[in-house]
Amino acid sequence: MKTNHFLIDDENPEWTDDDFKNSTPFTTLPKSLQTTLRSLKTRGKQQQPTKVSTTVRFDAEVLEAFKNMGNGWQTRMNNALKEWLKEHTA
């Protein structure tokens, strides 16, 4: 099976066979660690979501350029589009 490299990024790489071999199921962790991990605060649902999830297609070189800038690339892309909108009104 071919890997789609556009769906895999440095922040969430595809697991290798070694990753699976070296992993530990949650249920085999010590009970105290399971309790601690379960109690960690997670982000809840936003009261008034400010972002909208969508699917959009970009040229490969555009997406690659933003991803190569490191973490926060989606925020930078969003900000770049907002700047473009300031200069290009309908």
PDB file of N, CA and C in Angstrom:
ATOM      1  N   MET A   1       0.849  -1.180   0.000  1.00  0.00           N
ATOM      2  CA  MET A   1       0.000   0.000   0.000  1.00  0.00           C
ATOM      3  C   MET A   1       0.889   1.236   0.000  1.00  0.00           C
ATOM      4  N   LYS A   2       0.565   2.206  -0.848  1.00  0.00           N
ATOM      5  CA  LYS A   2       1.312   3.457  -0.917  1.00  0.00           C
ATOM      6  C   LYS A   2       0.890   4.379   0.217  1.00  0.00           C
ATOM      7  N   THR A   3       1.858   5.098   0.773  1.00  0.00           N
ATOM      8  CA  THR A   3       1.581   6.064   1.828  1.00  0.00           C
ATOM      9  C   THR A   3       1.307   7.421   1.197  1.00  0.00           C
ATOM     10  N   ASN A   4       0.233   8.073   1.653  1.00  0.00           N
ATOM     11  CA  ASN A   4      -0.063   9.425   1.196  1.00  0.00           C
ATOM     12  C   ASN A   4       0.665  10.388   2.124  1.00  0.00           C
ATOM     13  N   HIS A   5       1.804  10.919   1.666  1.00  0.00           N
ATOM     14  CA  HIS A   5       2.647  11.757   2.507  1.00  0.00           C
ATOM     15  C   HIS A   5       2.010  13.100   2.858  1.00  0.00           C
ATOM     16  N   PHE A   6       0.945  13.487   2.164  1.00  0.00           N
ATOM     17  CA  PHE A   6       0.270  14.742   2.496  1.00  0.00           C
ATOM     18  C   PHE A   6      -0.642  14.580   3.706  1.00  0.00           C
ATOM     19  N   LEU A   7      -0.971  13.334   4.069  1.00  0.00           N
ATOM     20  CA  LEU A   7      -1.833  13.096   5.221  1.00  0.00           C
ATOM     21  C   LEU A   7      -1.021  12.836   6.487  1.00  0.00           C
ATOM     22  N   ILE A   8       0.291  12.763   6.352  1.00  0.00           N
ATOM     23  CA  ILE A   8       1.166  12.481   7.484  1.00  0.00           C
ATOM     24  C   ILE A   8       2.110  13.664   7.646  1.00  0.00           C
ATOM     25  N   ASP A   9       2.223  14.159   8.862  1.00  0.00           N
ATOM     26  CA  ASP A   9       3.149  15.267   9.085  1.00  0.00           C
ATOM     27  C   ASP A   9       4.064  14.966  10.260  1.00  0.00           C
ATOM     28  N   ASP A  10       5.026  15.833  10.502  1.00  0.00           N
ATOM     29  CA  ASP A  10       6.005  15.616  11.567  1.00  0.00           C
ATOM     30  C   ASP A  10       5.368  15.610  12.953  1.00  0.00           C
ATOM     31  N   GLU A  11       4.237  16.288  13.098  1.00  0.00           N
ATOM     32  CA  GLU A  11       3.587  16.353  14.405  1.00  0.00           C
ATOM     33  C   GLU A  11       2.812  15.074  14.711  1.00  0.00           C
ATOM     34  N   ASN A  12       2.478  14.310  13.688  1.00  0.00           N
ATOM     35  CA  ASN A  12       1.710  13.093  13.891  1.00  0.00           C
ATOM     36  C   ASN A  12       2.144  12.045  12.861  1.00  0.00           C
ATOM     37  N   PRO A  13       3.375  11.540  12.994  1.00  0.00           N
ATOM     38  CA  PRO A  13       3.879  10.604  11.983  1.00  0.00           C
ATOM     39  C   PRO A  13       3.165   9.252  12.065  1.00  0.00           C
ATOM     40  N   GLU A  14       3.183   8.549  10.959  1.00  0.00           N
ATOM     41  CA  GLU A  14       2.598   7.213  10.910  1.00  0.00           C
ATOM     42  C   GLU A  14       3.447   6.273  11.764  1.00  0.00           C
ATOM     43  N   TRP A  15       2.773   5.394  12.527  1.00  0.00           N
ATOM     44  CA  TRP A  15       3.489   4.456  13.369  1.00  0.00           C
ATOM     45  C   TRP A  15       4.172   3.396  12.522  1.00  0.00           C
ATOM     46  N   THR A  16       5.361   3.009  12.954  1.00  0.00           N
ATOM     47  CA  THR A  16       6.097   1.935  12.300  1.00  0.00           C
ATOM     48  C   THR A  16       5.794   0.626  13.026  1.00  0.00           C
ATOM     49  N   ASP A  17       6.247  -0.478  12.458  1.00  0.00           N
ATOM     50  CA  ASP A  17       6.083  -1.770  13.134  1.00  0.00           C
ATOM     51  C   ASP A  17       6.771  -1.760  14.494  1.00  0.00           C
ATOM     52  N   ASP A  18       7.941  -1.097  14.574  1.00  0.00           N
ATOM     53  CA  ASP A  18       8.646  -1.006  15.860  1.00  0.00           C
ATOM     54  C   ASP A  18       7.844  -0.201  16.881  1.00  0.00           C
ATOM     55  N   ASP A  19       7.183   0.858  16.439  1.00  0.00           N
ATOM     56  CA  ASP A  19       6.347   1.647  17.352  1.00  0.00           C
ATOM     57  C   ASP A  19       5.260   0.772  17.968  1.00  0.00           C
ATOM     58  N   PHE A  20       4.606  -0.016  17.135  1.00  0.00           N
ATOM     59  CA  PHE A  20       3.554  -0.894  17.648  1.00  0.00           C
ATOM     60  C   PHE A  20       4.139  -1.957  18.580  1.00  0.00           C
ATOM     61  N   LYS A  21       5.304  -2.485  18.216  1.00  0.00           N
ATOM     62  CA  LYS A  21       5.943  -3.529  19.017  1.00  0.00           C
ATOM     63  C   LYS A  21       6.334  -2.998  20.398  1.00  0.00           C
ATOM     64  N   ASN A  22       6.766  -1.738  20.451  1.00  0.00           N
ATOM     65  CA  ASN A  22       7.243  -1.143  21.707  1.00  0.00           C
ATOM     66  C   ASN A  22       6.150  -0.439  22.508  1.00  0.00           C
ATOM     67  N   SER A  23       4.938  -0.409  21.995  1.00  0.00           N
ATOM     68  CA  SER A  23       3.870   0.288  22.706  1.00  0.00           C
ATOM     69  C   SER A  23       3.327  -0.556  23.852  1.00  0.00           C
ATOM     70  N   THR A  24       2.652   0.123  24.769  1.00  0.00           N
ATOM     71  CA  THR A  24       2.064  -0.529  25.930  1.00  0.00           C
ATOM     72  C   THR A  24       0.585  -0.199  25.993  1.00  0.00           C
ATOM     73  N   PRO A  25      -0.281  -1.200  26.083  1.00  0.00           N
ATOM     74  CA  PRO A  25      -1.714  -0.913  26.206  1.00  0.00           C
ATOM     75  C   PRO A  25      -2.004  -0.141  27.496  1.00  0.00           C
ATOM     76  N   PHE A  26      -2.938   0.762  27.419  1.00  0.00           N
ATOM     77  CA  PHE A  26      -3.317   1.585  28.573  1.00  0.00           C
ATOM     78  C   PHE A  26      -3.671   0.716  29.775  1.00  0.00           C
ATOM     79  N   THR A  27      -4.394  -0.369  29.541  1.00  0.00           N
ATOM     80  CA  THR A  27      -4.868  -1.222  30.645  1.00  0.00           C
ATOM     81  C   THR A  27      -3.741  -1.948  31.363  1.00  0.00           C
ATOM     82  N   THR A  28      -2.535  -1.987  30.781  1.00  0.00           N
ATOM     83  CA  THR A  28      -1.411  -2.652  31.454  1.00  0.00           C
ATOM     84  C   THR A  28      -0.562  -1.672  32.265  1.00  0.00           C
ATOM     85  N   LEU A  29      -0.880  -0.378  32.184  1.00  0.00           N
ATOM     86  CA  LEU A  29      -0.161   0.610  32.986  1.00  0.00           C
ATOM     87  C   LEU A  29      -0.557   0.465  34.445  1.00  0.00           C
ATOM     88  N   PRO A  30       0.298   0.887  35.375  1.00  0.00           N
ATOM     89  CA  PRO A  30      -0.075   0.851  36.793  1.00  0.00           C
ATOM     90  C   PRO A  30      -1.373   1.644  37.025  1.00  0.00           C
ATOM     91  N   LYS A  31      -2.202   1.140  37.926  1.00  0.00           N
ATOM     92  CA  LYS A  31      -3.508   1.780  38.195  1.00  0.00           C
ATOM     93  C   LYS A  31      -3.347   3.245  38.573  1.00  0.00           C
ATOM     94  N   SER A  32      -2.307   3.573  39.337  1.00  0.00           N
ATOM     95  CA  SER A  32      -2.118   4.977  39.751  1.00  0.00           C
ATOM     96  C   SER A  32      -1.860   5.870  38.535  1.00  0.00           C
ATOM     97  N   LEU A  33      -1.112   5.363  37.551  1.00  0.00           N
ATOM     98  CA  LEU A  33      -0.850   6.137  36.341  1.00  0.00           C
ATOM     99  C   LEU A  33      -2.113   6.263  35.491  1.00  0.00           C
ATOM    100  N   GLN A  34      -2.890   5.182  35.422  1.00  0.00           N
ATOM    101  CA  GLN A  34      -4.158   5.246  34.689  1.00  0.00           C
ATOM    102  C   GLN A  34      -5.065   6.313  35.287  1.00  0.00           C
ATOM    103  N   THR A  35      -5.137   6.350  36.612  1.00  0.00           N
ATOM    104  CA  THR A  35      -5.975   7.337  37.302  1.00  0.00           C
ATOM    105  C   THR A  35      -5.488   8.749  37.009  1.00  0.00           C
ATOM    106  N   THR A  36      -4.178   8.944  37.076  1.00  0.00           N
ATOM    107  CA  THR A  36      -3.613  10.266  36.795  1.00  0.00           C
ATOM    108  C   THR A  36      -3.918  10.695  35.366  1.00  0.00           C
ATOM    109  N   LEU A  37      -3.709   9.805  34.414  1.00  0.00           N
ATOM    110  CA  LEU A  37      -3.948  10.146  33.016  1.00  0.00           C
ATOM    111  C   LEU A  37      -5.420  10.437  32.748  1.00  0.00           C
ATOM    112  N   ARG A  38      -6.300   9.699  33.416  1.00  0.00           N
ATOM    113  CA  ARG A  38      -7.740   9.944  33.228  1.00  0.00           C
ATOM    114  C   ARG A  38      -8.169  11.284  33.808  1.00  0.00           C
ATOM    115  N   SER A  39      -7.466  11.738  34.838  1.00  0.00           N
ATOM    116  CA  SER A  39      -7.876  12.976  35.519  1.00  0.00           C
ATOM    117  C   SER A  39      -7.312  14.234  34.856  1.00  0.00           C
ATOM    118  N   LEU A  40      -6.409  14.062  33.893  1.00  0.00           N
ATOM    119  CA  LEU A  40      -5.843  15.246  33.237  1.00  0.00           C
ATOM    120  C   LEU A  40      -6.947  16.038  32.567  1.00  0.00           C
ATOM    121  N   LYS A  41      -6.827  17.336  32.691  1.00  0.00           N
ATOM    122  CA  LYS A  41      -7.839  18.206  32.103  1.00  0.00           C
ATOM    123  C   LYS A  41      -7.735  18.178  30.588  1.00  0.00           C
ATOM    124  N   THR A  42      -8.840  17.983  29.957  1.00  0.00           N
ATOM    125  CA  THR A  42      -8.863  18.044  28.501  1.00  0.00           C
ATOM    126  C   THR A  42      -9.700  19.245  28.084  1.00  0.00           C
ATOM    127  N   ARG A  43      -9.423  19.705  26.913  1.00  0.00           N
ATOM    128  CA  ARG A  43     -10.171  20.850  26.406  1.00  0.00           C
ATOM    129  C   ARG A  43     -11.600  20.411  26.114  1.00  0.00           C
ATOM    130  N   GLY A  44     -12.530  21.129  26.660  1.00  0.00           N
ATOM    131  CA  GLY A  44     -13.934  20.826  26.426  1.00  0.00           C
ATOM    132  C   GLY A  44     -14.438  21.500  25.158  1.00  0.00           C
ATOM    133  N   LYS A  45     -15.694  21.272  24.880  1.00  0.00           N
ATOM    134  CA  LYS A  45     -16.311  21.869  23.703  1.00  0.00           C
ATOM    135  C   LYS A  45     -16.374  23.392  23.882  1.00  0.00           C
ATOM    136  N   GLN A  46     -16.042  24.112  22.843  1.00  0.00           N
ATOM    137  CA  GLN A  46     -16.060  25.568  22.909  1.00  0.00           C
ATOM    138  C   GLN A  46     -17.491  26.057  23.092  1.00  0.00           C
ATOM    139  N   GLN A  47     -17.650  27.089  23.910  1.00  0.00           N
ATOM    140  CA  GLN A  47     -18.972  27.663  24.124  1.00  0.00           C
ATOM    141  C   GLN A  47     -19.480  28.313  22.836  1.00  0.00           C
ATOM    142  N   GLN A  48     -18.631  29.101  22.214  1.00  0.00           N
ATOM    143  CA  GLN A  48     -18.976  29.754  20.952  1.00  0.00           C
ATOM    144  C   GLN A  48     -17.819  29.529  19.992  1.00  0.00           C
ATOM    145  N   PRO A  49     -17.876  28.452  19.224  1.00  0.00           N
ATOM    146  CA  PRO A  49     -16.755  28.170  18.323  1.00  0.00           C
ATOM    147  C   PRO A  49     -16.487  29.339  17.375  1.00  0.00           C
ATOM    148  N   THR A  50     -15.200  29.672  17.248  1.00  0.00           N
ATOM    149  CA  THR A  50     -14.822  30.771  16.370  1.00  0.00           C
ATOM    150  C   THR A  50     -14.262  30.270  15.051  1.00  0.00           C
ATOM    151  N   LYS A  51     -13.994  28.971  14.972  1.00  0.00           N
ATOM    152  CA  LYS A  51     -13.435  28.385  13.754  1.00  0.00           C
ATOM    153  C   LYS A  51     -14.437  27.385  13.184  1.00  0.00           C
ATOM    154  N   VAL A  52     -14.341  27.188  11.887  1.00  0.00           N
ATOM    155  CA  VAL A  52     -15.221  26.258  11.199  1.00  0.00           C
ATOM    156  C   VAL A  52     -14.353  25.203  10.534  1.00  0.00           C
ATOM    157  N   SER A  53     -14.663  23.952  10.771  1.00  0.00           N
ATOM    158  CA  SER A  53     -13.928  22.869  10.136  1.00  0.00           C
ATOM    159  C   SER A  53     -14.403  22.713   8.697  1.00  0.00           C
ATOM    160  N   THR A  54     -13.442  22.568   7.787  1.00  0.00           N
ATOM    161  CA  THR A  54     -13.774  22.429   6.377  1.00  0.00           C
ATOM    162  C   THR A  54     -12.687  21.628   5.685  1.00  0.00           C
ATOM    163  N   THR A  55     -12.933  21.269   4.470  1.00  0.00           N
ATOM    164  CA  THR A  55     -11.920  20.614   3.651  1.00  0.00           C
ATOM    165  C   THR A  55     -11.592  21.538   2.495  1.00  0.00           C
ATOM    166  N   VAL A  56     -10.317  21.755   2.277  1.00  0.00           N
ATOM    167  CA  VAL A  56      -9.888  22.647   1.207  1.00  0.00           C
ATOM    168  C   VAL A  56      -8.640  22.039   0.568  1.00  0.00           C
ATOM    169  N   ARG A  57      -8.464  22.267  -0.712  1.00  0.00           N
ATOM    170  CA  ARG A  57      -7.313  21.712  -1.425  1.00  0.00           C
ATOM    171  C   ARG A  57      -6.353  22.841  -1.789  1.00  0.00           C
ATOM    172  N   PHE A  58      -5.073  22.664  -1.423  1.00  0.00           N
ATOM    173  CA  PHE A  58      -4.029  23.619  -1.733  1.00  0.00           C
ATOM    174  C   PHE A  58      -3.014  22.972  -2.654  1.00  0.00           C
ATOM    175  N   ASP A  59      -2.295  23.795  -3.405  1.00  0.00           N
ATOM    176  CA  ASP A  59      -1.169  23.274  -4.174  1.00  0.00           C
ATOM    177  C   ASP A  59      -0.169  22.679  -3.190  1.00  0.00           C
ATOM    178  N   ALA A  60       0.465  21.599  -3.592  1.00  0.00           N
ATOM    179  CA  ALA A  60       1.394  20.894  -2.707  1.00  0.00           C
ATOM    180  C   ALA A  60       2.505  21.806  -2.194  1.00  0.00           C
ATOM    181  N   GLU A  61       3.038  22.665  -3.073  1.00  0.00           N
ATOM    182  CA  GLU A  61       4.154  23.511  -2.643  1.00  0.00           C
ATOM    183  C   GLU A  61       3.719  24.571  -1.626  1.00  0.00           C
ATOM    184  N   VAL A  62       2.457  25.015  -1.702  1.00  0.00           N
ATOM    185  CA  VAL A  62       1.953  25.993  -0.728  1.00  0.00           C
ATOM    186  C   VAL A  62       1.832  25.326   0.642  1.00  0.00           C
ATOM    187  N   LEU A  63       1.212  24.162   0.676  1.00  0.00           N
ATOM    188  CA  LEU A  63       1.043  23.447   1.935  1.00  0.00           C
ATOM    189  C   LEU A  63       2.390  23.064   2.535  1.00  0.00           C
ATOM    190  N   GLU A  64       3.287  22.589   1.707  1.00  0.00           N
ATOM    191  CA  GLU A  64       4.615  22.192   2.177  1.00  0.00           C
ATOM    192  C   GLU A  64       5.369  23.385   2.763  1.00  0.00           C
ATOM    193  N   ALA A  65       5.267  24.546   2.110  1.00  0.00           N
ATOM    194  CA  ALA A  65       5.962  25.746   2.608  1.00  0.00           C
ATOM    195  C   ALA A  65       5.464  26.133   4.000  1.00  0.00           C
ATOM    196  N   PHE A  66       4.154  26.102   4.215  1.00  0.00           N
ATOM    197  CA  PHE A  66       3.625  26.453   5.538  1.00  0.00           C
ATOM    198  C   PHE A  66       4.004  25.402   6.569  1.00  0.00           C
ATOM    199  N   LYS A  67       3.915  24.123   6.219  1.00  0.00           N
ATOM    200  CA  LYS A  67       4.275  23.068   7.166  1.00  0.00           C
ATOM    201  C   LYS A  67       5.755  23.122   7.525  1.00  0.00           C
ATOM    202  N   ASN A  68       6.598  23.497   6.564  1.00  0.00           N
ATOM    203  CA  ASN A  68       8.037  23.576   6.822  1.00  0.00           C
ATOM    204  C   ASN A  68       8.393  24.678   7.799  1.00  0.00           C
ATOM    205  N   MET A  69       7.473  25.603   8.059  1.00  0.00           N
ATOM    206  CA  MET A  69       7.717  26.668   9.028  1.00  0.00           C
ATOM    207  C   MET A  69       7.572  26.169  10.459  1.00  0.00           C
ATOM    208  N   GLY A  70       7.107  24.935  10.627  1.00  0.00           N
ATOM    209  CA  GLY A  70       7.013  24.343  11.962  1.00  0.00           C
ATOM    210  C   GLY A  70       5.625  24.437  12.569  1.00  0.00           C
ATOM    211  N   ASN A  71       5.571  24.132  13.866  1.00  0.00           N
ATOM    212  CA  ASN A  71       4.295  24.151  14.591  1.00  0.00           C
ATOM    213  C   ASN A  71       3.606  25.496  14.433  1.00  0.00           C
ATOM    214  N   GLY A  72       2.297  25.475  14.368  1.00  0.00           N
ATOM    215  CA  GLY A  72       1.525  26.691  14.217  1.00  0.00           C
ATOM    216  C   GLY A  72       1.291  27.060  12.765  1.00  0.00           C
ATOM    217  N   TRP A  73       1.604  26.151  11.840  1.00  0.00           N
ATOM    218  CA  TRP A  73       1.494  26.475  10.419  1.00  0.00           C
ATOM    219  C   TRP A  73       0.056  26.780  10.021  1.00  0.00           C
ATOM    220  N   GLN A  74      -0.928  26.113  10.649  1.00  0.00           N
ATOM    221  CA  GLN A  74      -2.322  26.376  10.298  1.00  0.00           C
ATOM    222  C   GLN A  74      -2.731  27.781  10.723  1.00  0.00           C
ATOM    223  N   THR A  75      -2.272  28.207  11.889  1.00  0.00           N
ATOM    224  CA  THR A  75      -2.559  29.561  12.362  1.00  0.00           C
ATOM    225  C   THR A  75      -1.920  30.590  11.437  1.00  0.00           C
ATOM    226  N   ARG A  76      -0.671  30.337  11.028  1.00  0.00           N
ATOM    227  CA  ARG A  76      -0.008  31.265  10.102  1.00  0.00           C
ATOM    228  C   ARG A  76      -0.736  31.330   8.764  1.00  0.00           C
ATOM    229  N   MET A  77      -1.216  30.186   8.284  1.00  0.00           N
ATOM    230  CA  MET A  77      -1.948  30.168   7.023  1.00  0.00           C
ATOM    231  C   MET A  77      -3.253  30.956   7.172  1.00  0.00           C
ATOM    232  N   ASN A  78      -3.937  30.778   8.291  1.00  0.00           N
ATOM    233  CA  ASN A  78      -5.170  31.501   8.562  1.00  0.00           C
ATOM    234  C   ASN A  78      -4.905  33.012   8.598  1.00  0.00           C
ATOM    235  N   ASN A  79      -3.819  33.398   9.279  1.00  0.00           N
ATOM    236  CA  ASN A  79      -3.475  34.823   9.372  1.00  0.00           C
ATOM    237  C   ASN A  79      -3.113  35.403   8.011  1.00  0.00           C
ATOM    238  N   ALA A  80      -2.416  34.625   7.186  1.00  0.00           N
ATOM    239  CA  ALA A  80      -2.061  35.093   5.838  1.00  0.00           C
ATOM    240  C   ALA A  80      -3.320  35.330   5.014  1.00  0.00           C
ATOM    241  N   LEU A  81      -4.292  34.449   5.142  1.00  0.00           N
ATOM    242  CA  LEU A  81      -5.547  34.625   4.401  1.00  0.00           C
ATOM    243  C   LEU A  81      -6.316  35.844   4.914  1.00  0.00           C
ATOM    244  N   LYS A  82      -6.281  36.083   6.218  1.00  0.00           N
ATOM    245  CA  LYS A  82      -6.946  37.274   6.765  1.00  0.00           C
ATOM    246  C   LYS A  82      -6.305  38.547   6.239  1.00  0.00           C
ATOM    247  N   GLU A  83      -4.966  38.562   6.167  1.00  0.00           N
ATOM    248  CA  GLU A  83      -4.259  39.723   5.614  1.00  0.00           C
ATOM    249  C   GLU A  83      -4.648  39.950   4.156  1.00  0.00           C
ATOM    250  N   TRP A  84      -4.753  38.869   3.387  1.00  0.00           N
ATOM    251  CA  TRP A  84      -5.136  38.969   1.981  1.00  0.00           C
ATOM    252  C   TRP A  84      -6.534  39.576   1.863  1.00  0.00           C
ATOM    253  N   LEU A  85      -7.442  39.172   2.757  1.00  0.00           N
ATOM    254  CA  LEU A  85      -8.806  39.696   2.735  1.00  0.00           C
ATOM    255  C   LEU A  85      -8.855  41.188   3.024  1.00  0.00           C
ATOM    256  N   LYS A  86      -7.951  41.688   3.881  1.00  0.00           N
ATOM    257  CA  LYS A  86      -7.918  43.115   4.180  1.00  0.00           C
ATOM    258  C   LYS A  86      -7.620  43.937   2.928  1.00  0.00           C
ATOM    259  N   GLU A  87      -6.806  43.398   2.048  1.00  0.00           N
ATOM    260  CA  GLU A  87      -6.390  44.111   0.837  1.00  0.00           C
ATOM    261  C   GLU A  87      -7.284  43.842  -0.360  1.00  0.00           C
ATOM    262  N   HIS A  88      -8.098  42.810  -0.291  1.00  0.00           N
ATOM    263  CA  HIS A  88      -8.939  42.420  -1.423  1.00  0.00           C
ATOM    264  C   HIS A  88     -10.393  42.307  -0.974  1.00  0.00           C
ATOM    265  N   THR A  89     -11.089  43.411  -0.981  1.00  0.00           N
ATOM    266  CA  THR A  89     -12.497  43.397  -0.590  1.00  0.00           C
ATOM    267  C   THR A  89     -13.360  43.085  -1.798  1.00  0.00           C
ATOM    268  N   ALA A  90     -14.524  42.536  -1.522  1.00  0.00           N
ATOM    269  CA  ALA A  90     -15.437  42.141  -2.624  1.00  0.00           C
ATOM    270  C   ALA A  90     -16.046  43.341  -3.295  1.00  0.00           C
TER     271      ALA A  90
END
